[in-house]
Amino acid sequence: MKLVEAHVAKRQAEFSKHDFFADERLGAGVGGVLSFAPDLTFWVMAFQDILRLNASLTRNPQMRKIVRHHRAEDAGHDRWFLEDLAAMQMPAPDVRWLFSERHSPTRDAAYALVSEVYRTKDDRLRLVLVKALESAGHVFFGRVAAVVERAGWTKLLKYFSFSHLEVEKNHAVFEEEIARIVSGIRLPPKVRVEAKQLIDRCYAAFTAMFDALCAAEQEQHRPALAAAYRAVPPGLRVKTSSPLDVPVAAMTSARPLRARS
């Protein structure tokens, strides 16, 4: 299992370098950073089912205890997410929007990970799935929660704040308590290969979803930049590598979402 854990760490490090987590993007202010939130809706809801199904299909008593604990720790986080949308004055997407073309990359990622639950019949691989999900979550919540903290929104939000990250860290504490059991699990070469392939597929799904989130952000910003570009005299435009020269006005007029007092 140690070789598999090393592979999880490798893919986690690669994922942390995704453009979504780039310093330039995360430094844009909490309003801009969290503008993607509605696009994550289907994933957040489906995630609860992934954990439920993974736990219900696990037969080994020791491993079932681990995955059930993981599910219990994450229970209710979908409600946190919806409460955060309301706190940020973002309407919760309706069914038509959730199943629109715009939201299809998020659905695809969720379906890909649901398929992993049914693909394997080996409980050891169900534990690997949990580890892959946890590792990606540590990256996401760590980076986003830091932005929320800097903006002073930690008390306003739950899902996107350190409140969620602390729960994620509690998973790690629990895993330390059972490290002896996990480290003692021996994976035959064939199962080890399958485990690495499972991890790769999970991270491929996460990467595709976050690629789409970044692309959606660019599409949202393009009309505003184009309008600002037409409104600003050529002498005030800032040269960039973008197809558009970004107007100074566009760089300074962005207003973050306002937190409720």
C-alpha atoms as a PDB file:
ATOM      1  CA  MET A   1       0.000   0.000   0.000  1.00  0.00           C
ATOM      2  CA  LYS A   2       2.934   2.364   0.586  1.00  0.00           C
ATOM      3  CA  LEU A   3       3.744   2.396  -3.133  1.00  0.00           C
ATOM      4  CA  VAL A   4       0.136   3.285  -3.867  1.00  0.00           C
ATOM      5  CA  GLU A   5       0.194   6.077  -1.277  1.00  0.00           C
ATOM      6  CA  ALA A   6       3.306   7.448  -2.973  1.00  0.00           C
ATOM      7  CA  HIS A   7       1.447   7.474  -6.284  1.00  0.00           C
ATOM      8  CA  VAL A   8      -1.445   9.369  -4.682  1.00  0.00           C
ATOM      9  CA  ALA A   9       1.032  11.955  -3.360  1.00  0.00           C
ATOM     10  CA  LYS A  10       2.579  12.300  -6.820  1.00  0.00           C
ATOM     11  CA  ARG A  11      -0.755  12.932  -8.513  1.00  0.00           C
ATOM     12  CA  GLN A  12      -1.785  15.302  -5.722  1.00  0.00           C
ATOM     13  CA  ALA A  13       1.357  17.387  -6.252  1.00  0.00           C
ATOM     14  CA  GLU A  14       0.672  17.542  -9.983  1.00  0.00           C
ATOM     15  CA  PHE A  15      -2.942  18.587  -9.373  1.00  0.00           C
ATOM     16  CA  SER A  16      -1.835  21.397  -7.048  1.00  0.00           C
ATOM     17  CA  LYS A  17      -0.143  23.032 -10.058  1.00  0.00           C
ATOM     18  CA  HIS A  18      -3.377  23.316 -12.032  1.00  0.00           C
ATOM     19  CA  ASP A  19      -4.164  26.793 -13.384  1.00  0.00           C
ATOM     20  CA  PHE A  20      -7.204  26.920 -11.108  1.00  0.00           C
ATOM     21  CA  PHE A  21      -4.847  27.188  -8.123  1.00  0.00           C
ATOM     22  CA  ALA A  22      -2.440  29.671  -9.730  1.00  0.00           C
ATOM     23  CA  ASP A  23      -1.391  32.550  -7.483  1.00  0.00           C
ATOM     24  CA  GLU A  24      -2.577  35.069 -10.082  1.00  0.00           C
ATOM     25  CA  ARG A  25      -6.095  33.647 -10.037  1.00  0.00           C
ATOM     26  CA  LEU A  26      -6.290  33.159  -6.264  1.00  0.00           C
ATOM     27  CA  GLY A  27      -5.085  36.716  -5.755  1.00  0.00           C
ATOM     28  CA  ALA A  28      -8.010  38.159  -7.716  1.00  0.00           C
ATOM     29  CA  GLY A  29     -10.159  38.580  -4.591  1.00  0.00           C
ATOM     30  CA  VAL A  30     -12.685  36.290  -2.989  1.00  0.00           C
ATOM     31  CA  GLY A  31     -15.518  37.398  -5.283  1.00  0.00           C
ATOM     32  CA  GLY A  32     -13.618  36.431  -8.386  1.00  0.00           C
ATOM     33  CA  VAL A  33     -12.163  33.259  -6.906  1.00  0.00           C
ATOM     34  CA  LEU A  34     -15.543  31.919  -5.788  1.00  0.00           C
ATOM     35  CA  SER A  35     -17.480  32.930  -8.907  1.00  0.00           C
ATOM     36  CA  PHE A  36     -17.156  29.299 -10.042  1.00  0.00           C
ATOM     37  CA  ALA A  37     -19.194  27.989  -7.082  1.00  0.00           C
ATOM     38  CA  PRO A  38     -22.515  27.300  -8.885  1.00  0.00           C
ATOM     39  CA  ASP A  39     -20.619  25.296 -11.500  1.00  0.00           C
ATOM     40  CA  LEU A  40     -19.616  22.848  -8.774  1.00  0.00           C
ATOM     41  CA  THR A  41     -23.173  22.069  -7.668  1.00  0.00           C
ATOM     42  CA  PHE A  42     -23.717  18.675  -9.313  1.00  0.00           C
ATOM     43  CA  TRP A  43     -20.359  17.404  -8.068  1.00  0.00           C
ATOM     44  CA  VAL A  44     -21.048  18.436  -4.466  1.00  0.00           C
ATOM     45  CA  MET A  45     -24.391  16.641  -4.475  1.00  0.00           C
ATOM     46  CA  ALA A  46     -23.132  13.515  -6.259  1.00  0.00           C
ATOM     47  CA  PHE A  47     -20.135  13.282  -3.925  1.00  0.00           C
ATOM     48  CA  GLN A  48     -22.433  12.292  -1.075  1.00  0.00           C
ATOM     49  CA  ASP A  49     -23.737   9.397  -3.169  1.00  0.00           C
ATOM     50  CA  ILE A  50     -20.214   8.309  -4.077  1.00  0.00           C
ATOM     51  CA  LEU A  51     -19.352   8.009  -0.388  1.00  0.00           C
ATOM     52  CA  ARG A  52     -22.653   6.275   0.428  1.00  0.00           C
ATOM     53  CA  LEU A  53     -22.318   3.708  -2.337  1.00  0.00           C
ATOM     54  CA  ASN A  54     -18.650   3.061  -1.637  1.00  0.00           C
ATOM     55  CA  ALA A  55     -19.424   2.372   2.018  1.00  0.00           C
ATOM     56  CA  SER A  56     -22.449   0.185   1.288  1.00  0.00           C
ATOM     57  CA  LEU A  57     -20.489  -2.017  -1.125  1.00  0.00           C
ATOM     58  CA  THR A  58     -17.500  -2.525   1.180  1.00  0.00           C
ATOM     59  CA  ARG A  59     -17.567  -5.983   2.775  1.00  0.00           C
ATOM     60  CA  ASN A  60     -14.305  -6.249   4.743  1.00  0.00           C
ATOM     61  CA  PRO A  61     -15.130  -5.210   8.353  1.00  0.00           C
ATOM     62  CA  GLN A  62     -11.934  -3.197   8.946  1.00  0.00           C
ATOM     63  CA  MET A  63     -12.150  -1.352   5.644  1.00  0.00           C
ATOM     64  CA  ARG A  64     -15.887  -0.823   6.008  1.00  0.00           C
ATOM     65  CA  LYS A  65     -15.185   0.925   9.308  1.00  0.00           C
ATOM     66  CA  ILE A  66     -12.774   3.287   7.557  1.00  0.00           C
ATOM     67  CA  VAL A  67     -15.014   4.216   4.638  1.00  0.00           C
ATOM     68  CA  ARG A  68     -18.068   4.576   6.872  1.00  0.00           C
ATOM     69  CA  HIS A  69     -16.155   6.926   9.128  1.00  0.00           C
ATOM     70  CA  HIS A  70     -15.138   8.948   6.083  1.00  0.00           C
ATOM     71  CA  ARG A  71     -18.744   9.166   4.934  1.00  0.00           C
ATOM     72  CA  ALA A  72     -19.936  10.227   8.398  1.00  0.00           C
ATOM     73  CA  GLU A  73     -17.320  13.006   8.532  1.00  0.00           C
ATOM     74  CA  ASP A  74     -18.553  14.407   5.204  1.00  0.00           C
ATOM     75  CA  ALA A  75     -22.279  14.094   5.901  1.00  0.00           C
ATOM     76  CA  GLY A  76     -24.123  17.401   5.570  1.00  0.00           C
ATOM     77  CA  HIS A  77     -21.451  19.181   3.574  1.00  0.00           C
ATOM     78  CA  ASP A  78     -23.866  19.462   0.666  1.00  0.00           C
ATOM     79  CA  ARG A  79     -26.041  21.622   2.923  1.00  0.00           C
ATOM     80  CA  TRP A  80     -22.999  23.722   3.807  1.00  0.00           C
ATOM     81  CA  PHE A  81     -22.463  24.288   0.106  1.00  0.00           C
ATOM     82  CA  LEU A  82     -26.047  25.476  -0.489  1.00  0.00           C
ATOM     83  CA  GLU A  83     -25.855  27.716   2.582  1.00  0.00           C
ATOM     84  CA  ASP A  84     -22.639  29.243   1.225  1.00  0.00           C
ATOM     85  CA  LEU A  85     -24.310  29.977  -2.115  1.00  0.00           C
ATOM     86  CA  ALA A  86     -27.112  31.760  -0.252  1.00  0.00           C
ATOM     87  CA  ALA A  87     -24.620  33.682   1.906  1.00  0.00           C
ATOM     88  CA  MET A  88     -22.850  34.875  -1.257  1.00  0.00           C
ATOM     89  CA  GLN A  89     -26.227  35.800  -2.779  1.00  0.00           C
ATOM     90  CA  MET A  90     -25.811  33.206  -5.516  1.00  0.00           C
ATOM     91  CA  PRO A  91     -29.043  31.390  -6.417  1.00  0.00           C
ATOM     92  CA  ALA A  92     -28.890  27.606  -6.257  1.00  0.00           C
ATOM     93  CA  PRO A  93     -28.962  26.217  -9.824  1.00  0.00           C
ATOM     94  CA  ASP A  94     -32.246  24.648 -10.885  1.00  0.00           C
ATOM     95  CA  VAL A  95     -32.612  21.236 -12.548  1.00  0.00           C
ATOM     96  CA  ARG A  96     -32.576  22.653 -16.078  1.00  0.00           C
ATOM     97  CA  TRP A  97     -29.291  24.424 -15.412  1.00  0.00           C
ATOM     98  CA  LEU A  98     -27.740  21.411 -13.694  1.00  0.00           C
ATOM     99  CA  PHE A  99     -28.404  19.318 -16.794  1.00  0.00           C
ATOM    100  CA  SER A 100     -27.469  22.008 -19.293  1.00  0.00           C
ATOM    101  CA  GLU A 101     -24.469  21.877 -21.598  1.00  0.00           C
ATOM    102  CA  ARG A 102     -22.659  24.381 -19.374  1.00  0.00           C
ATOM    103  CA  HIS A 103     -22.736  21.985 -16.426  1.00  0.00           C
ATOM    104  CA  SER A 104     -21.854  18.834 -18.399  1.00  0.00           C
ATOM    105  CA  PRO A 105     -18.124  18.769 -17.426  1.00  0.00           C
ATOM    106  CA  THR A 106     -19.099  18.719 -13.744  1.00  0.00           C
ATOM    107  CA  ARG A 107     -21.600  15.935 -14.360  1.00  0.00           C
ATOM    108  CA  ASP A 108     -19.037  13.985 -16.383  1.00  0.00           C
ATOM    109  CA  ALA A 109     -16.524  14.131 -13.518  1.00  0.00           C
ATOM    110  CA  ALA A 110     -19.160  12.979 -11.039  1.00  0.00           C
ATOM    111  CA  TYR A 111     -20.248  10.106 -13.275  1.00  0.00           C
ATOM    112  CA  ALA A 112     -16.628   9.036 -13.796  1.00  0.00           C
ATOM    113  CA  LEU A 113     -16.091   8.737 -10.063  1.00  0.00           C
ATOM    114  CA  VAL A 114     -19.403   6.981  -9.489  1.00  0.00           C
ATOM    115  CA  SER A 115     -18.261   4.444 -12.080  1.00  0.00           C
ATOM    116  CA  GLU A 116     -15.186   3.704  -9.958  1.00  0.00           C
ATOM    117  CA  VAL A 117     -17.440   2.572  -7.118  1.00  0.00           C
ATOM    118  CA  TYR A 118     -19.049  -0.036  -9.355  1.00  0.00           C
ATOM    119  CA  ARG A 119     -15.941  -0.935 -11.336  1.00  0.00           C
ATOM    120  CA  THR A 120     -14.069  -2.575  -8.469  1.00  0.00           C
ATOM    121  CA  LYS A 121     -14.994  -5.652  -6.476  1.00  0.00           C
ATOM    122  CA  ASP A 122     -11.891  -5.408  -4.263  1.00  0.00           C
ATOM    123  CA  ASP A 123     -12.396  -3.595  -0.955  1.00  0.00           C
ATOM    124  CA  ARG A 124      -8.745  -2.593  -0.929  1.00  0.00           C
ATOM    125  CA  LEU A 125      -9.406  -0.523  -4.034  1.00  0.00           C
ATOM    126  CA  ARG A 126     -12.399   1.090  -2.353  1.00  0.00           C
ATOM    127  CA  LEU A 127      -9.977   2.362   0.258  1.00  0.00           C
ATOM    128  CA  VAL A 128      -7.680   3.645  -2.503  1.00  0.00           C
ATOM    129  CA  LEU A 129     -10.649   5.543  -3.973  1.00  0.00           C
ATOM    130  CA  VAL A 130     -11.194   7.240  -0.617  1.00  0.00           C
ATOM    131  CA  LYS A 131      -7.521   8.201  -0.473  1.00  0.00           C
ATOM    132  CA  ALA A 132      -7.646   9.695  -3.962  1.00  0.00           C
ATOM    133  CA  LEU A 133     -10.751  11.746  -3.128  1.00  0.00           C
ATOM    134  CA  GLU A 134      -9.220  12.953   0.124  1.00  0.00           C
ATOM    135  CA  SER A 135      -5.946  13.979  -1.477  1.00  0.00           C
ATOM    136  CA  ALA A 136      -7.646  16.137  -4.108  1.00  0.00           C
ATOM    137  CA  GLY A 137      -9.881  17.660  -1.433  1.00  0.00           C
ATOM    138  CA  HIS A 138      -6.883  18.723   0.631  1.00  0.00           C
ATOM    139  CA  VAL A 139      -5.530  20.719  -2.302  1.00  0.00           C
ATOM    140  CA  PHE A 140      -8.840  22.357  -3.190  1.00  0.00           C
ATOM    141  CA  PHE A 141     -10.028  23.292   0.278  1.00  0.00           C
ATOM    142  CA  GLY A 142      -6.579  24.369   1.433  1.00  0.00           C
ATOM    143  CA  ARG A 143      -6.155  26.879  -1.394  1.00  0.00           C
ATOM    144  CA  VAL A 144      -9.723  28.195  -1.432  1.00  0.00           C
ATOM    145  CA  ALA A 145     -10.040  28.457   2.352  1.00  0.00           C
ATOM    146  CA  ALA A 146      -6.894  30.597   2.481  1.00  0.00           C
ATOM    147  CA  VAL A 147      -8.516  33.090   0.101  1.00  0.00           C
ATOM    148  CA  VAL A 148     -11.685  33.115   2.190  1.00  0.00           C
ATOM    149  CA  GLU A 149      -9.633  33.690   5.345  1.00  0.00           C
ATOM    150  CA  ARG A 150      -7.729  36.635   3.845  1.00  0.00           C
ATOM    151  CA  ALA A 151     -11.030  38.227   2.826  1.00  0.00           C
ATOM    152  CA  GLY A 152     -12.451  37.875   6.341  1.00  0.00           C
ATOM    153  CA  TRP A 153     -15.236  35.554   5.191  1.00  0.00           C
ATOM    154  CA  THR A 154     -14.414  32.536   7.373  1.00  0.00           C
ATOM    155  CA  LYS A 155     -17.356  33.102   9.714  1.00  0.00           C
ATOM    156  CA  LEU A 156     -19.700  33.716   6.786  1.00  0.00           C
ATOM    157  CA  LEU A 157     -18.926  30.513   4.892  1.00  0.00           C
ATOM    158  CA  LYS A 158     -18.649  26.849   5.860  1.00  0.00           C
ATOM    159  CA  TYR A 159     -18.061  24.724   2.770  1.00  0.00           C
ATOM    160  CA  PHE A 160     -15.412  27.022   1.308  1.00  0.00           C
ATOM    161  CA  SER A 161     -13.745  28.002   4.585  1.00  0.00           C
ATOM    162  CA  PHE A 162     -11.344  26.472   7.069  1.00  0.00           C
ATOM    163  CA  SER A 163     -14.380  24.894   8.768  1.00  0.00           C
ATOM    164  CA  HIS A 164     -14.428  22.357   5.947  1.00  0.00           C
ATOM    165  CA  LEU A 165     -10.665  22.041   5.831  1.00  0.00           C
ATOM    166  CA  GLU A 166     -10.546  21.165   9.511  1.00  0.00           C
ATOM    167  CA  VAL A 167     -12.921  18.269   8.830  1.00  0.00           C
ATOM    168  CA  GLU A 168     -10.657  17.169   5.990  1.00  0.00           C
ATOM    169  CA  LYS A 169      -7.709  17.244   8.379  1.00  0.00           C
ATOM    170  CA  ASN A 170      -9.694  15.169  10.843  1.00  0.00           C
ATOM    171  CA  HIS A 171      -9.803  12.462   8.195  1.00  0.00           C
ATOM    172  CA  ALA A 172      -6.011  12.525   8.237  1.00  0.00           C
ATOM    173  CA  VAL A 173      -5.992  12.219  12.039  1.00  0.00           C
ATOM    174  CA  PHE A 174      -8.264   9.198  11.814  1.00  0.00           C
ATOM    175  CA  GLU A 175      -6.029   7.680   9.129  1.00  0.00           C
ATOM    176  CA  GLU A 176      -3.029   8.097  11.435  1.00  0.00           C
ATOM    177  CA  GLU A 177      -4.861   6.081  14.072  1.00  0.00           C
ATOM    178  CA  ILE A 178      -5.368   3.232  11.639  1.00  0.00           C
ATOM    179  CA  ALA A 179      -2.014   3.622   9.870  1.00  0.00           C
ATOM    180  CA  ARG A 180      -0.879   0.271  11.188  1.00  0.00           C
ATOM    181  CA  ILE A 181      -3.826  -1.454   9.523  1.00  0.00           C
ATOM    182  CA  VAL A 182      -3.451   0.382   6.220  1.00  0.00           C
ATOM    183  CA  SER A 183       0.320  -0.055   6.069  1.00  0.00           C
ATOM    184  CA  GLY A 184      -0.128  -3.730   6.735  1.00  0.00           C
ATOM    185  CA  ILE A 185      -2.327  -4.219   3.688  1.00  0.00           C
ATOM    186  CA  ARG A 186      -0.391  -6.058   1.023  1.00  0.00           C
ATOM    187  CA  LEU A 187      -1.368  -5.523  -2.582  1.00  0.00           C
ATOM    188  CA  PRO A 188      -0.389  -8.150  -5.139  1.00  0.00           C
ATOM    189  CA  PRO A 189       1.281  -6.696  -8.258  1.00  0.00           C
ATOM    190  CA  LYS A 190      -1.918  -6.951 -10.315  1.00  0.00           C
ATOM    191  CA  VAL A 191      -3.996  -5.120  -7.685  1.00  0.00           C
ATOM    192  CA  ARG A 192      -1.249  -2.508  -7.266  1.00  0.00           C
ATOM    193  CA  VAL A 193      -1.410  -1.757 -10.985  1.00  0.00           C
ATOM    194  CA  GLU A 194      -5.193  -1.496 -10.787  1.00  0.00           C
ATOM    195  CA  ALA A 195      -4.869   0.875  -7.817  1.00  0.00           C
ATOM    196  CA  LYS A 196      -2.562   3.218  -9.713  1.00  0.00           C
ATOM    197  CA  GLN A 197      -4.893   3.167 -12.692  1.00  0.00           C
ATOM    198  CA  LEU A 198      -7.828   4.016 -10.420  1.00  0.00           C
ATOM    199  CA  ILE A 199      -5.908   6.970  -8.978  1.00  0.00           C
ATOM    200  CA  ASP A 200      -4.993   8.185 -12.461  1.00  0.00           C
ATOM    201  CA  ARG A 201      -8.622   8.001 -13.611  1.00  0.00           C
ATOM    202  CA  CYS A 202      -9.782   9.939 -10.539  1.00  0.00           C
ATOM    203  CA  TYR A 203      -7.293  12.709 -11.135  1.00  0.00           C
ATOM    204  CA  ALA A 204      -8.117  12.750 -14.849  1.00  0.00           C
ATOM    205  CA  ALA A 205     -11.749  13.424 -13.878  1.00  0.00           C
ATOM    206  CA  PHE A 206     -10.758  16.183 -11.442  1.00  0.00           C
ATOM    207  CA  THR A 207      -8.431  17.777 -13.986  1.00  0.00           C
ATOM    208  CA  ALA A 208     -11.082  17.770 -16.718  1.00  0.00           C
ATOM    209  CA  MET A 209     -13.612  19.383 -14.365  1.00  0.00           C
ATOM    210  CA  PHE A 210     -11.215  22.117 -13.271  1.00  0.00           C
ATOM    211  CA  ASP A 211     -10.124  22.711 -16.857  1.00  0.00           C
ATOM    212  CA  ALA A 212     -13.785  23.388 -17.639  1.00  0.00           C
ATOM    213  CA  LEU A 213     -14.170  25.705 -14.621  1.00  0.00           C
ATOM    214  CA  CYS A 214     -11.224  27.782 -15.834  1.00  0.00           C
ATOM    215  CA  ALA A 215     -12.590  27.852 -19.384  1.00  0.00           C
ATOM    216  CA  ALA A 216     -16.009  28.973 -18.138  1.00  0.00           C
ATOM    217  CA  GLU A 217     -14.403  31.803 -16.170  1.00  0.00           C
ATOM    218  CA  GLN A 218     -12.570  33.000 -19.267  1.00  0.00           C
ATOM    219  CA  GLU A 219     -15.794  32.971 -21.287  1.00  0.00           C
ATOM    220  CA  GLN A 220     -17.556  34.987 -18.594  1.00  0.00           C
ATOM    221  CA  HIS A 221     -14.801  37.589 -18.505  1.00  0.00           C
ATOM    222  CA  ARG A 222     -14.360  37.911 -22.273  1.00  0.00           C
ATOM    223  CA  PRO A 223     -17.506  40.049 -22.992  1.00  0.00           C
ATOM    224  CA  ALA A 224     -16.696  42.432 -20.115  1.00  0.00           C
ATOM    225  CA  LEU A 225     -13.112  42.831 -21.285  1.00  0.00           C
ATOM    226  CA  ALA A 226     -14.221  43.395 -24.853  1.00  0.00           C
ATOM    227  CA  ALA A 227     -16.697  46.089 -23.796  1.00  0.00           C
ATOM    228  CA  ALA A 228     -14.082  47.801 -21.630  1.00  0.00           C
ATOM    229  CA  TYR A 229     -11.577  47.534 -24.467  1.00  0.00           C
ATOM    230  CA  ARG A 230     -13.884  49.457 -26.800  1.00  0.00           C
ATOM    231  CA  ALA A 231     -14.548  52.112 -24.145  1.00  0.00           C
ATOM    232  CA  VAL A 232     -10.916  52.927 -23.289  1.00  0.00           C
ATOM    233  CA  PRO A 233      -8.631  54.991 -25.550  1.00  0.00           C
ATOM    234  CA  PRO A 234      -5.701  53.038 -27.073  1.00  0.00           C
ATOM    235  CA  GLY A 235      -3.176  54.968 -25.010  1.00  0.00           C
ATOM    236  CA  LEU A 236      -4.551  53.591 -21.748  1.00  0.00           C
ATOM    237  CA  ARG A 237      -4.479  49.925 -22.790  1.00  0.00           C
ATOM    238  CA  VAL A 238      -2.053  47.572 -21.087  1.00  0.00           C
ATOM    239  CA  LYS A 239      -0.178  45.180 -23.355  1.00  0.00           C
ATOM    240  CA  THR A 240      -0.551  41.519 -22.400  1.00  0.00           C
ATOM    241  CA  SER A 241      -0.176  38.138 -24.029  1.00  0.00           C
ATOM    242  CA  SER A 242      -3.976  37.952 -24.338  1.00  0.00           C
ATOM    243  CA  PRO A 243      -5.685  38.402 -27.708  1.00  0.00           C
ATOM    244  CA  LEU A 244      -7.115  41.562 -26.146  1.00  0.00           C
ATOM    245  CA  ASP A 245      -5.028  44.387 -24.690  1.00  0.00           C
ATOM    246  CA  VAL A 246      -6.550  44.604 -21.220  1.00  0.00           C
ATOM    247  CA  PRO A 247      -7.835  48.114 -20.442  1.00  0.00           C
ATOM    248  CA  VAL A 248      -6.718  49.704 -17.196  1.00  0.00           C
ATOM    249  CA  ALA A 249     -10.376  50.263 -16.351  1.00  0.00           C
ATOM    250  CA  ALA A 250     -11.088  46.541 -16.626  1.00  0.00           C
ATOM    251  CA  MET A 251      -8.216  45.760 -14.284  1.00  0.00           C
ATOM    252  CA  THR A 252      -9.330  48.188 -11.599  1.00  0.00           C
ATOM    253  CA  SER A 253     -13.131  48.134 -11.747  1.00  0.00           C
ATOM    254  CA  ALA A 254     -13.711  44.514 -10.726  1.00  0.00           C
ATOM    255  CA  ARG A 255     -15.851  44.446  -7.596  1.00  0.00           C
ATOM    256  CA  PRO A 256     -15.861  41.416  -5.292  1.00  0.00           C
ATOM    257  CA  LEU A 257     -19.069  39.950  -3.953  1.00  0.00           C
ATOM    258  CA  ARG A 258     -20.237  41.666  -0.819  1.00  0.00           C
ATOM    259  CA  ALA A 259     -20.531  39.584   2.303  1.00  0.00           C
ATOM    260  CA  ARG A 260     -23.660  39.972   4.363  1.00  0.00           C
ATOM    261  CA  SER A 261     -23.079  41.699   7.653  1.00  0.00           C
END
